[in-house]
Amino acid sequence: MDFANLVAQLADAASRGDGGAIAALFAEDGVYHDVFYGEFKGRDAIKIMIEDYFHHDAENFAWDFHDPVCQGDIGYARYVFSYDSKLPDFAGKRSVFEGISIIRLRDGLITDYREVANGAVGLTMLGFPPERVAKILAKQGRELTGRAEAARHVKGE
């Protein structure tokens, strides 16, 4: 399957809440690093993330990938993502944000899905108070600075 088709299937399955279909796009040991919910390892966990997190907290998803590119075992695609919140304090409000997906592949399956997203825009659209948005951004900052690839940046080298 070509990369553009892979990300289109990923978006469609996630939007429909079909955890099994999205999990099937991942290797058995695949990892999905979600910008809000964190890391989910393995097909069973990825299925749960889609069905019990994404679709528990939101509905009416739309996910569009743009400009997908792939070279060897890594692909990138820009996206716009939206949903209606089902969270009690924000029910019915629409959130829209954009990001970039970074996808590592092995034998045509996803081994690592990571995203860089401007989720603060979408959270603000929902009406999240600034202190809650700041807490989420601080968590994302800790995740970034905890990765090996950021070590020299944290040390100021």
Protein backbone atom coordinates (compact mmCIF):
# COMPACT_ATOMS: atom_id res chain seq x y z
CA MET A 1 0.00 0.00 0.00
CA ASP A 2 1.35 3.43 -0.81
CA PHE A 3 1.85 5.97 1.97
CA ALA A 4 -0.95 8.35 0.91
CA ASN A 5 -3.41 5.45 0.98
CA LEU A 6 -2.09 4.31 4.38
CA VAL A 7 -2.65 7.70 6.03
CA ALA A 8 -6.08 8.00 4.35
CA GLN A 9 -7.05 4.63 5.86
CA LEU A 10 -5.66 5.71 9.24
CA ALA A 11 -7.76 8.89 9.21
CA ASP A 12 -10.90 7.11 8.03
CA ALA A 13 -10.67 4.32 10.61
CA ALA A 14 -9.98 6.74 13.47
CA SER A 15 -12.82 9.04 12.40
CA ARG A 16 -15.27 6.14 12.26
CA GLY A 17 -14.10 4.78 15.61
CA ASP A 18 -13.01 1.49 14.08
CA GLY A 19 -10.24 0.54 16.49
CA GLY A 20 -9.71 -2.83 14.84
CA ALA A 21 -9.15 -1.28 11.42
CA ILE A 22 -6.67 1.27 12.72
CA ALA A 23 -4.85 -1.35 14.80
CA ALA A 24 -4.49 -3.53 11.68
CA LEU A 25 -2.40 -0.75 10.08
CA PHE A 26 0.16 -1.14 12.88
CA ALA A 27 2.79 -3.82 13.43
CA GLU A 28 2.10 -6.08 16.42
CA ASP A 29 4.64 -4.06 18.44
CA GLY A 30 3.56 -0.71 16.97
CA VAL A 31 3.27 2.38 19.14
CA TYR A 32 0.86 5.29 18.78
CA HIS A 33 2.01 8.46 20.57
CA ASP A 34 -1.10 10.64 20.84
CA VAL A 35 -0.56 14.33 21.53
CA PHE A 36 -3.33 14.34 24.19
CA TYR A 37 -3.65 10.79 25.53
CA GLY A 38 -0.04 9.66 25.48
CA GLU A 39 1.55 6.41 24.35
CA PHE A 40 -0.28 3.21 23.42
CA LYS A 41 1.78 0.10 22.63
CA GLY A 42 0.53 -2.83 20.60
CA ARG A 43 -2.58 -3.40 18.53
CA ASP A 44 -4.88 -4.10 21.48
CA ALA A 45 -3.91 -0.85 23.22
CA ILE A 46 -4.27 1.15 20.00
CA LYS A 47 -7.76 -0.30 19.47
CA ILE A 48 -8.70 0.71 23.02
CA MET A 49 -7.30 4.22 22.48
CA ILE A 50 -9.57 4.78 19.47
CA GLU A 51 -12.70 3.21 20.89
CA ASP A 52 -12.44 4.02 24.61
CA TYR A 53 -10.61 7.36 24.54
CA PHE A 54 -11.16 9.16 21.23
CA HIS A 55 -14.78 8.14 20.80
CA HIS A 56 -15.60 8.29 24.49
CA ASP A 57 -14.59 11.96 24.70
CA ALA A 58 -15.64 13.20 21.24
CA GLU A 59 -17.74 12.57 18.13
CA ASN A 60 -18.22 13.78 14.57
CA PHE A 61 -14.54 13.45 13.73
CA ALA A 62 -12.94 14.71 10.56
CA TRP A 63 -9.28 14.03 9.82
CA ASP A 64 -7.66 15.10 6.58
CA PHE A 65 -4.05 14.45 5.63
CA HIS A 66 -2.28 16.78 3.21
CA ASP A 67 1.00 16.54 1.32
CA PRO A 68 2.04 13.03 2.45
CA VAL A 69 5.65 12.14 1.68
CA CYS A 70 7.55 8.96 2.38
CA GLN A 71 11.15 7.94 1.94
CA GLY A 72 12.21 4.47 2.89
CA ASP A 73 10.81 3.58 6.29
CA ILE A 74 9.64 7.05 7.36
CA GLY A 75 6.76 9.21 6.21
CA TYR A 76 5.40 12.63 7.07
CA ALA A 77 2.01 14.19 6.45
CA ARG A 78 0.41 17.47 7.46
CA TYR A 79 -3.13 17.19 8.83
CA VAL A 80 -6.20 19.08 9.97
CA PHE A 81 -8.25 17.31 12.65
CA SER A 82 -11.60 18.23 14.19
CA TYR A 83 -14.30 16.85 16.45
CA ASP A 84 -17.25 17.77 18.66
CA SER A 85 -16.48 17.38 22.34
CA LYS A 86 -18.45 15.02 24.57
CA LEU A 87 -16.60 16.17 27.70
CA PRO A 88 -19.18 17.37 30.25
CA ASP A 89 -17.86 20.94 30.53
CA PHE A 90 -17.42 21.33 26.77
CA ALA A 91 -20.12 19.11 25.24
CA GLY A 92 -21.10 20.00 21.70
CA LYS A 93 -18.28 22.47 21.11
CA ARG A 94 -16.16 21.98 17.99
CA SER A 95 -12.38 21.73 18.15
CA VAL A 96 -10.12 22.16 15.13
CA PHE A 97 -6.35 21.91 15.09
CA GLU A 98 -3.49 21.06 12.79
CA GLY A 99 -0.36 19.02 13.04
CA ILE A 100 2.25 16.87 11.38
CA SER A 101 2.35 13.08 11.63
CA ILE A 102 5.69 11.31 11.74
CA ILE A 103 5.24 7.66 10.81
CA ARG A 104 7.87 4.92 10.89
CA LEU A 105 7.16 1.80 8.84
CA ARG A 106 8.24 -1.81 8.62
CA ASP A 107 6.94 -4.14 5.92
CA GLY A 108 4.15 -1.69 5.10
CA LEU A 109 2.89 -1.47 8.69
CA ILE A 110 3.24 1.39 11.16
CA THR A 111 5.79 0.75 13.89
CA ASP A 112 5.73 4.24 15.38
CA TYR A 113 3.18 7.02 14.97
CA ARG A 114 4.07 10.35 16.52
CA GLU A 115 2.60 13.79 15.99
CA VAL A 116 3.54 17.38 16.50
CA ALA A 117 0.31 19.33 16.85
CA ASN A 118 -0.92 22.73 17.88
CA GLY A 119 -3.54 21.30 20.21
CA ALA A 120 -3.73 24.51 22.26
CA VAL A 121 -5.76 26.12 19.48
CA GLY A 122 -8.38 23.37 19.61
CA LEU A 123 -8.50 23.33 23.41
CA THR A 124 -9.02 27.09 23.44
CA MET A 125 -11.86 26.69 20.91
CA LEU A 126 -13.52 24.28 23.34
CA GLY A 127 -13.22 26.81 26.15
CA PHE A 128 -10.53 25.11 28.24
CA PRO A 129 -9.34 27.56 30.89
CA PRO A 130 -5.78 28.88 30.37
CA GLU A 131 -4.40 27.04 33.41
CA ARG A 132 -5.67 23.70 32.08
CA VAL A 133 -4.16 24.39 28.64
CA ALA A 134 -0.88 25.32 30.37
CA LYS A 135 -0.92 22.04 32.31
CA ILE A 136 -1.35 20.05 29.08
CA LEU A 137 1.41 22.01 27.33
CA ALA A 138 3.74 21.45 30.31
CA LYS A 139 3.12 17.69 30.06
CA GLN A 140 3.96 17.79 26.35
CA GLY A 141 7.12 19.75 27.14
CA ARG A 142 8.22 17.10 29.64
CA GLU A 143 7.60 14.38 27.07
CA LEU A 144 9.68 16.22 24.47
CA THR A 145 12.59 17.01 26.77
CA GLY A 146 12.58 13.43 28.07
CA ARG A 147 13.39 11.98 24.65
CA ALA A 148 16.98 11.13 23.75
CA GLU A 149 16.85 13.29 20.62
CA ALA A 150 16.27 16.38 22.79
CA ALA A 151 19.10 15.73 25.28
CA ARG A 152 21.61 18.15 23.81
CA HIS A 153 18.95 20.83 23.54
CA VAL A 154 17.98 20.45 27.19
CA LYS A 155 21.66 20.74 28.16
CA GLY A 156 22.07 23.82 25.95
CA GLU A 157 24.81 22.32 23.81
